[in-house]
Amino acid sequence: MGSFVQILAALFILAAFGLAQARVLSPQAQAYLVLNVVGASVLALDAYVERQWGFLLLEGVWALISAWGIVAKASGRAAASAH
């Protein structure tokens, strides 16, 4: 996968994180979750193709947790918040 796609995917994740830290987006916000699931999924696919198993584990789990948040939000269940 091209470097441009990798960088763009990483920027999606970093944008979500930066916006959450700046309190522009909540970690439960749809935009935050979508940025994470798209970015992490692309990077997980790249890690699979390149046989980078540790990176695949990290990004794959990141994508799954983000997707779970989207499903929970869509079904009306709030994702468990950390207290």
PDB file of N, CA and C in Angstrom:
ATOM      1  N   MET A   1       0.861  -1.176   0.000  1.00  0.00           N
ATOM      2  CA  MET A   1       0.000   0.000   0.000  1.00  0.00           C
ATOM      3  C   MET A   1       0.901   1.230   0.000  1.00  0.00           C
ATOM      4  N   GLY A   2       0.492   2.251  -0.686  1.00  0.00           N
ATOM      5  CA  GLY A   2       1.335   3.417  -0.834  1.00  0.00           C
ATOM      6  C   GLY A   2       1.495   4.216   0.448  1.00  0.00           C
ATOM      7  N   SER A   3       2.617   4.898   0.526  1.00  0.00           N
ATOM      8  CA  SER A   3       2.901   5.737   1.690  1.00  0.00           C
ATOM      9  C   SER A   3       1.844   6.811   1.881  1.00  0.00           C
ATOM     10  N   PHE A   4       1.318   7.356   0.784  1.00  0.00           N
ATOM     11  CA  PHE A   4       0.297   8.396   0.884  1.00  0.00           C
ATOM     12  C   PHE A   4      -0.929   7.882   1.625  1.00  0.00           C
ATOM     13  N   VAL A   5      -1.363   6.670   1.302  1.00  0.00           N
ATOM     14  CA  VAL A   5      -2.545   6.078   1.945  1.00  0.00           C
ATOM     15  C   VAL A   5      -2.257   5.820   3.422  1.00  0.00           C
ATOM     16  N   GLN A   6      -1.082   5.313   3.739  1.00  0.00           N
ATOM     17  CA  GLN A   6      -0.702   5.081   5.131  1.00  0.00           C
ATOM     18  C   GLN A   6      -0.717   6.375   5.924  1.00  0.00           C
ATOM     19  N   ILE A   7      -0.134   7.415   5.350  1.00  0.00           N
ATOM     20  CA  ILE A   7      -0.070   8.709   6.039  1.00  0.00           C
ATOM     21  C   ILE A   7      -1.470   9.275   6.223  1.00  0.00           C
ATOM     22  N   LEU A   8      -2.305   9.178   5.204  1.00  0.00           N
ATOM     23  CA  LEU A   8      -3.671   9.674   5.308  1.00  0.00           C
ATOM     24  C   LEU A   8      -4.440   8.927   6.399  1.00  0.00           C
ATOM     25  N   ALA A   9      -4.292   7.605   6.453  1.00  0.00           N
ATOM     26  CA  ALA A   9      -4.966   6.809   7.484  1.00  0.00           C
ATOM     27  C   ALA A   9      -4.477   7.202   8.875  1.00  0.00           C
ATOM     28  N   ALA A  10      -3.176   7.374   9.018  1.00  0.00           N
ATOM     29  CA  ALA A  10      -2.625   7.792  10.311  1.00  0.00           C
ATOM     30  C   ALA A  10      -3.130   9.181  10.689  1.00  0.00           C
ATOM     31  N   LEU A  11      -3.251  10.065   9.716  1.00  0.00           N
ATOM     32  CA  LEU A  11      -3.765  11.409   9.991  1.00  0.00           C
ATOM     33  C   LEU A  11      -5.216  11.379  10.453  1.00  0.00           C
ATOM     34  N   PHE A  12      -6.013  10.433   9.963  1.00  0.00           N
ATOM     35  CA  PHE A  12      -7.390  10.284  10.443  1.00  0.00           C
ATOM     36  C   PHE A  12      -7.386  10.000  11.943  1.00  0.00           C
ATOM     37  N   ILE A  13      -6.567   9.031  12.350  1.00  0.00           N
ATOM     38  CA  ILE A  13      -6.494   8.657  13.764  1.00  0.00           C
ATOM     39  C   ILE A  13      -5.949   9.815  14.597  1.00  0.00           C
ATOM     40  N   LEU A  14      -4.903  10.448  14.118  1.00  0.00           N
ATOM     41  CA  LEU A  14      -4.309  11.565  14.850  1.00  0.00           C
ATOM     42  C   LEU A  14      -5.247  12.759  14.929  1.00  0.00           C
ATOM     43  N   ALA A  15      -6.019  13.002  13.877  1.00  0.00           N
ATOM     44  CA  ALA A  15      -6.991  14.107  13.903  1.00  0.00           C
ATOM     45  C   ALA A  15      -8.048  13.840  14.970  1.00  0.00           C
ATOM     46  N   ALA A  16      -8.551  12.613  15.025  1.00  0.00           N
ATOM     47  CA  ALA A  16      -9.545  12.255  16.042  1.00  0.00           C
ATOM     48  C   ALA A  16      -8.964  12.460  17.436  1.00  0.00           C
ATOM     49  N   PHE A  17      -7.757  11.986  17.648  1.00  0.00           N
ATOM     50  CA  PHE A  17      -7.116  12.121  18.952  1.00  0.00           C
ATOM     51  C   PHE A  17      -6.886  13.585  19.311  1.00  0.00           C
ATOM     52  N   GLY A  18      -6.349  14.340  18.365  1.00  0.00           N
ATOM     53  CA  GLY A  18      -6.096  15.763  18.616  1.00  0.00           C
ATOM     54  C   GLY A  18      -7.371  16.536  18.913  1.00  0.00           C
ATOM     55  N   LEU A  19      -8.422  16.253  18.154  1.00  0.00           N
ATOM     56  CA  LEU A  19      -9.699  16.943  18.377  1.00  0.00           C
ATOM     57  C   LEU A  19     -10.318  16.548  19.715  1.00  0.00           C
ATOM     58  N   ALA A  20     -10.106  15.313  20.127  1.00  0.00           N
ATOM     59  CA  ALA A  20     -10.603  14.896  21.446  1.00  0.00           C
ATOM     60  C   ALA A  20      -9.806  15.585  22.553  1.00  0.00           C
ATOM     61  N   GLN A  21      -8.511  15.692  22.375  1.00  0.00           N
ATOM     62  CA  GLN A  21      -7.688  16.352  23.391  1.00  0.00           C
ATOM     63  C   GLN A  21      -8.003  17.839  23.496  1.00  0.00           C
ATOM     64  N   ALA A  22      -8.367  18.430  22.368  1.00  0.00           N
ATOM     65  CA  ALA A  22      -8.735  19.859  22.346  1.00  0.00           C
ATOM     66  C   ALA A  22     -10.193  20.062  22.784  1.00  0.00           C
ATOM     67  N   ARG A  23     -10.865  18.967  23.093  1.00  0.00           N
ATOM     68  CA  ARG A  23     -12.273  18.974  23.513  1.00  0.00           C
ATOM     69  C   ARG A  23     -13.206  19.526  22.445  1.00  0.00           C
ATOM     70  N   VAL A  24     -12.816  19.317  21.196  1.00  0.00           N
ATOM     71  CA  VAL A  24     -13.672  19.663  20.061  1.00  0.00           C
ATOM     72  C   VAL A  24     -14.612  18.491  19.778  1.00  0.00           C
ATOM     73  N   LEU A  25     -14.083  17.276  19.912  1.00  0.00           N
ATOM     74  CA  LEU A  25     -14.875  16.054  19.737  1.00  0.00           C
ATOM     75  C   LEU A  25     -14.830  15.239  21.022  1.00  0.00           C
ATOM     76  N   SER A  26     -15.928  14.601  21.319  1.00  0.00           N
ATOM     77  CA  SER A  26     -15.976  13.642  22.417  1.00  0.00           C
ATOM     78  C   SER A  26     -15.511  12.292  21.873  1.00  0.00           C
ATOM     79  N   PRO A  27     -14.855  11.473  22.688  1.00  0.00           N
ATOM     80  CA  PRO A  27     -14.494  10.132  22.233  1.00  0.00           C
ATOM     81  C   PRO A  27     -15.709   9.264  21.878  1.00  0.00           C
ATOM     82  N   GLN A  28     -16.895   9.686  22.275  1.00  0.00           N
ATOM     83  CA  GLN A  28     -18.110   8.958  21.913  1.00  0.00           C
ATOM     84  C   GLN A  28     -18.790   9.556  20.672  1.00  0.00           C
ATOM     85  N   ALA A  29     -18.250  10.638  20.145  1.00  0.00           N
ATOM     86  CA  ALA A  29     -18.844  11.297  18.978  1.00  0.00           C
ATOM     87  C   ALA A  29     -18.713  10.406  17.741  1.00  0.00           C
ATOM     88  N   GLN A  30     -19.726  10.452  16.909  1.00  0.00           N
ATOM     89  CA  GLN A  30     -19.729   9.654  15.678  1.00  0.00           C
ATOM     90  C   GLN A  30     -18.500   9.967  14.811  1.00  0.00           C
ATOM     91  N   ALA A  31     -18.173  11.233  14.658  1.00  0.00           N
ATOM     92  CA  ALA A  31     -17.027  11.620  13.824  1.00  0.00           C
ATOM     93  C   ALA A  31     -15.731  11.046  14.376  1.00  0.00           C
ATOM     94  N   TYR A  32     -15.572  11.073  15.684  1.00  0.00           N
ATOM     95  CA  TYR A  32     -14.374  10.517  16.322  1.00  0.00           C
ATOM     96  C   TYR A  32     -14.254   9.022  16.019  1.00  0.00           C
ATOM     97  N   LEU A  33     -15.353   8.320  16.198  1.00  0.00           N
ATOM     98  CA  LEU A  33     -15.356   6.873  15.976  1.00  0.00           C
ATOM     99  C   LEU A  33     -15.116   6.521  14.511  1.00  0.00           C
ATOM    100  N   VAL A  34     -15.730   7.265  13.606  1.00  0.00           N
ATOM    101  CA  VAL A  34     -15.547   6.996  12.178  1.00  0.00           C
ATOM    102  C   VAL A  34     -14.103   7.261  11.753  1.00  0.00           C
ATOM    103  N   LEU A  35     -13.525   8.368  12.192  1.00  0.00           N
ATOM    104  CA  LEU A  35     -12.123   8.651  11.869  1.00  0.00           C
ATOM    105  C   LEU A  35     -11.228   7.510  12.344  1.00  0.00           C
ATOM    106  N   ASN A  36     -11.486   7.010  13.542  1.00  0.00           N
ATOM    107  CA  ASN A  36     -10.683   5.918  14.083  1.00  0.00           C
ATOM    108  C   ASN A  36     -10.888   4.611  13.339  1.00  0.00           C
ATOM    109  N   VAL A  37     -12.137   4.257  13.058  1.00  0.00           N
ATOM    110  CA  VAL A  37     -12.374   2.967  12.396  1.00  0.00           C
ATOM    111  C   VAL A  37     -11.818   2.968  10.970  1.00  0.00           C
ATOM    112  N   VAL A  38     -11.949   4.077  10.263  1.00  0.00           N
ATOM    113  CA  VAL A  38     -11.417   4.140   8.896  1.00  0.00           C
ATOM    114  C   VAL A  38      -9.887   4.103   8.925  1.00  0.00           C
ATOM    115  N   GLY A  39      -9.290   4.963   9.726  1.00  0.00           N
ATOM    116  CA  GLY A  39      -7.825   5.009   9.789  1.00  0.00           C
ATOM    117  C   GLY A  39      -7.226   3.688  10.237  1.00  0.00           C
ATOM    118  N   ALA A  40      -7.771   3.121  11.311  1.00  0.00           N
ATOM    119  CA  ALA A  40      -7.227   1.873  11.845  1.00  0.00           C
ATOM    120  C   ALA A  40      -7.462   0.702  10.891  1.00  0.00           C
ATOM    121  N   SER A  41      -8.596   0.672  10.221  1.00  0.00           N
ATOM    122  CA  SER A  41      -8.874  -0.417   9.275  1.00  0.00           C
ATOM    123  C   SER A  41      -7.898  -0.401   8.105  1.00  0.00           C
ATOM    124  N   VAL A  42      -7.639   0.776   7.573  1.00  0.00           N
ATOM    125  CA  VAL A  42      -6.689   0.892   6.456  1.00  0.00           C
ATOM    126  C   VAL A  42      -5.294   0.458   6.906  1.00  0.00           C
ATOM    127  N   LEU A  43      -4.882   0.907   8.087  1.00  0.00           N
ATOM    128  CA  LEU A  43      -3.554   0.531   8.577  1.00  0.00           C
ATOM    129  C   LEU A  43      -3.484  -0.955   8.927  1.00  0.00           C
ATOM    130  N   ALA A  44      -4.582  -1.529   9.421  1.00  0.00           N
ATOM    131  CA  ALA A  44      -4.610  -2.971   9.710  1.00  0.00           C
ATOM    132  C   ALA A  44      -4.492  -3.778   8.419  1.00  0.00           C
ATOM    133  N   LEU A  45      -5.190  -3.349   7.387  1.00  0.00           N
ATOM    134  CA  LEU A  45      -5.089  -4.033   6.097  1.00  0.00           C
ATOM    135  C   LEU A  45      -3.663  -3.972   5.566  1.00  0.00           C
ATOM    136  N   ASP A  46      -3.046  -2.821   5.674  1.00  0.00           N
ATOM    137  CA  ASP A  46      -1.665  -2.675   5.231  1.00  0.00           C
ATOM    138  C   ASP A  46      -0.738  -3.568   6.055  1.00  0.00           C
ATOM    139  N   ALA A  47      -0.963  -3.632   7.354  1.00  0.00           N
ATOM    140  CA  ALA A  47      -0.133  -4.481   8.213  1.00  0.00           C
ATOM    141  C   ALA A  47      -0.294  -5.951   7.837  1.00  0.00           C
ATOM    142  N   TYR A  48      -1.512  -6.361   7.493  1.00  0.00           N
ATOM    143  CA  TYR A  48      -1.746  -7.741   7.072  1.00  0.00           C
ATOM    144  C   TYR A  48      -0.978  -8.051   5.781  1.00  0.00           C
ATOM    145  N   VAL A  49      -1.109  -7.155   4.814  1.00  0.00           N
ATOM    146  CA  VAL A  49      -0.426  -7.348   3.524  1.00  0.00           C
ATOM    147  C   VAL A  49       1.088  -7.421   3.725  1.00  0.00           C
ATOM    148  N   GLU A  50       1.602  -6.586   4.615  1.00  0.00           N
ATOM    149  CA  GLU A  50       3.057  -6.529   4.852  1.00  0.00           C
ATOM    150  C   GLU A  50       3.535  -7.534   5.902  1.00  0.00           C
ATOM    151  N   ARG A  51       2.592  -8.335   6.460  1.00  0.00           N
ATOM    152  CA  ARG A  51       2.915  -9.341   7.468  1.00  0.00           C
ATOM    153  C   ARG A  51       3.580  -8.742   8.698  1.00  0.00           C
ATOM    154  N   GLN A  52       3.034  -7.632   9.137  1.00  0.00           N
ATOM    155  CA  GLN A  52       3.514  -6.970  10.353  1.00  0.00           C
ATOM    156  C   GLN A  52       2.509  -7.287  11.462  1.00  0.00           C
ATOM    157  N   TRP A  53       2.704  -8.420  12.129  1.00  0.00           N
ATOM    158  CA  TRP A  53       1.689  -8.991  13.003  1.00  0.00           C
ATOM    159  C   TRP A  53       1.414  -8.146  14.248  1.00  0.00           C
ATOM    160  N   GLY A  54       2.417  -7.554  14.824  1.00  0.00           N
ATOM    161  CA  GLY A  54       2.197  -6.697  15.992  1.00  0.00           C
ATOM    162  C   GLY A  54       1.384  -5.470  15.628  1.00  0.00           C
ATOM    163  N   PHE A  55       1.706  -4.876  14.501  1.00  0.00           N
ATOM    164  CA  PHE A  55       0.987  -3.702  14.019  1.00  0.00           C
ATOM    165  C   PHE A  55      -0.442  -4.084  13.626  1.00  0.00           C
ATOM    166  N   LEU A  56      -0.610  -5.276  13.043  1.00  0.00           N
ATOM    167  CA  LEU A  56      -1.948  -5.766  12.708  1.00  0.00           C
ATOM    168  C   LEU A  56      -2.790  -5.929  13.975  1.00  0.00           C
ATOM    169  N   LEU A  57      -2.202  -6.488  15.016  1.00  0.00           N
ATOM    170  CA  LEU A  57      -2.915  -6.644  16.284  1.00  0.00           C
ATOM    171  C   LEU A  57      -3.360  -5.287  16.822  1.00  0.00           C
ATOM    172  N   LEU A  58      -2.453  -4.339  16.870  1.00  0.00           N
ATOM    173  CA  LEU A  58      -2.772  -3.002  17.386  1.00  0.00           C
ATOM    174  C   LEU A  58      -3.881  -2.343  16.577  1.00  0.00           C
ATOM    175  N   GLU A  59      -3.694  -2.247  15.285  1.00  0.00           N
ATOM    176  CA  GLU A  59      -4.662  -1.541  14.440  1.00  0.00           C
ATOM    177  C   GLU A  59      -5.966  -2.315  14.275  1.00  0.00           C
ATOM    178  N   GLY A  60      -5.883  -3.640  14.239  1.00  0.00           N
ATOM    179  CA  GLY A  60      -7.094  -4.440  14.135  1.00  0.00           C
ATOM    180  C   GLY A  60      -7.979  -4.288  15.359  1.00  0.00           C
ATOM    181  N   VAL A  61      -7.387  -4.350  16.528  1.00  0.00           N
ATOM    182  CA  VAL A  61      -8.160  -4.164  17.759  1.00  0.00           C
ATOM    183  C   VAL A  61      -8.691  -2.741  17.837  1.00  0.00           C
ATOM    184  N   TRP A  62      -7.877  -1.773  17.466  1.00  0.00           N
ATOM    185  CA  TRP A  62      -8.305  -0.361  17.451  1.00  0.00           C
ATOM    186  C   TRP A  62      -9.542  -0.197  16.566  1.00  0.00           C
ATOM    187  N   ALA A  63      -9.505  -0.799  15.391  1.00  0.00           N
ATOM    188  CA  ALA A  63     -10.634  -0.708  14.456  1.00  0.00           C
ATOM    189  C   ALA A  63     -11.867  -1.412  15.026  1.00  0.00           C
ATOM    190  N   LEU A  64     -11.680  -2.589  15.630  1.00  0.00           N
ATOM    191  CA  LEU A  64     -12.814  -3.329  16.192  1.00  0.00           C
ATOM    192  C   LEU A  64     -13.465  -2.576  17.341  1.00  0.00           C
ATOM    193  N   ILE A  65     -12.668  -1.997  18.210  1.00  0.00           N
ATOM    194  CA  ILE A  65     -13.228  -1.239  19.335  1.00  0.00           C
ATOM    195  C   ILE A  65     -13.968  -0.007  18.825  1.00  0.00           C
ATOM    196  N   SER A  66     -13.410   0.665  17.834  1.00  0.00           N
ATOM    197  CA  SER A  66     -14.079   1.828  17.249  1.00  0.00           C
ATOM    198  C   SER A  66     -15.385   1.421  16.579  1.00  0.00           C
ATOM    199  N   ALA A  67     -15.364   0.296  15.866  1.00  0.00           N
ATOM    200  CA  ALA A  67     -16.582  -0.192  15.215  1.00  0.00           C
ATOM    201  C   ALA A  67     -17.631  -0.566  16.261  1.00  0.00           C
ATOM    202  N   TRP A  68     -17.196  -1.177  17.353  1.00  0.00           N
ATOM    203  CA  TRP A  68     -18.114  -1.509  18.442  1.00  0.00           C
ATOM    204  C   TRP A  68     -18.781  -0.238  18.975  1.00  0.00           C
ATOM    205  N   GLY A  69     -18.015   0.838  19.117  1.00  0.00           N
ATOM    206  CA  GLY A  69     -18.579   2.110  19.571  1.00  0.00           C
ATOM    207  C   GLY A  69     -19.633   2.639  18.612  1.00  0.00           C
ATOM    208  N   ILE A  70     -19.395   2.496  17.318  1.00  0.00           N
ATOM    209  CA  ILE A  70     -20.365   2.942  16.309  1.00  0.00           C
ATOM    210  C   ILE A  70     -21.641   2.117  16.407  1.00  0.00           C
ATOM    211  N   VAL A  71     -21.494   0.801  16.521  1.00  0.00           N
ATOM    212  CA  VAL A  71     -22.663  -0.085  16.630  1.00  0.00           C
ATOM    213  C   VAL A  71     -23.441   0.213  17.908  1.00  0.00           C
ATOM    214  N   ALA A  72     -22.735   0.385  19.013  1.00  0.00           N
ATOM    215  CA  ALA A  72     -23.393   0.683  20.282  1.00  0.00           C
ATOM    216  C   ALA A  72     -24.153   2.000  20.196  1.00  0.00           C
ATOM    217  N   LYS A  73     -23.547   2.984  19.579  1.00  0.00           N
ATOM    218  CA  LYS A  73     -24.186   4.297  19.423  1.00  0.00           C
ATOM    219  C   LYS A  73     -25.425   4.186  18.531  1.00  0.00           C
ATOM    220  N   ALA A  74     -25.298   3.429  17.454  1.00  0.00           N
ATOM    221  CA  ALA A  74     -26.422   3.277  16.512  1.00  0.00           C
ATOM    222  C   ALA A  74     -27.579   2.517  17.128  1.00  0.00           C
ATOM    223  N   SER A  75     -27.280   1.593  18.034  1.00  0.00           N
ATOM    224  CA  SER A  75     -28.336   0.801  18.656  1.00  0.00           C
ATOM    225  C   SER A  75     -28.926   1.489  19.895  1.00  0.00           C
ATOM    226  N   GLY A  76     -28.431   2.681  20.199  1.00  0.00           N
ATOM    227  CA  GLY A  76     -28.953   3.427  21.329  1.00  0.00           C
ATOM    228  C   GLY A  76     -28.282   3.111  22.639  1.00  0.00           C
ATOM    229  N   ARG A  77     -27.316   2.208  22.607  1.00  0.00           N
ATOM    230  CA  ARG A  77     -26.565   1.905  23.825  1.00  0.00           C
ATOM    231  C   ARG A  77     -25.325   2.778  23.847  1.00  0.00           C
ATOM    232  N   ALA A  78     -25.101   3.429  24.940  1.00  0.00           N
ATOM    233  CA  ALA A  78     -23.885   4.239  25.067  1.00  0.00           C
ATOM    234  C   ALA A  78     -22.708   3.300  25.359  1.00  0.00           C
ATOM    235  N   ALA A  79     -21.603   3.584  24.730  1.00  0.00           N
ATOM    236  CA  ALA A  79     -20.400   2.821  25.032  1.00  0.00           C
ATOM    237  C   ALA A  79     -20.018   3.101  26.476  1.00  0.00           C
ATOM    238  N   ALA A  80     -19.488   2.095  27.129  1.00  0.00           N
ATOM    239  CA  ALA A  80     -19.101   2.285  28.536  1.00  0.00           C
ATOM    240  C   ALA A  80     -18.062   3.372  28.635  1.00  0.00           C
ATOM    241  N   SER A  81     -18.289   4.300  29.508  1.00  0.00           N
ATOM    242  CA  SER A  81     -17.310   5.385  29.669  1.00  0.00           C
ATOM    243  C   SER A  81     -16.397   5.075  30.832  1.00  0.00           C
ATOM    244  N   ALA A  82     -15.177   5.521  30.706  1.00  0.00           N
ATOM    245  CA  ALA A  82     -14.202   5.336  31.773  1.00  0.00           C
ATOM    246  C   ALA A  82     -14.410   6.411  32.825  1.00  0.00           C
ATOM    247  N   HIS A  83     -14.425   6.008  34.056  1.00  0.00           N
ATOM    248  CA  HIS A  83     -14.577   6.972  35.149  1.00  0.00           C
ATOM    249  C   HIS A  83     -13.352   6.976  36.003  1.00  0.00           C
TER     250      HIS A  83
END
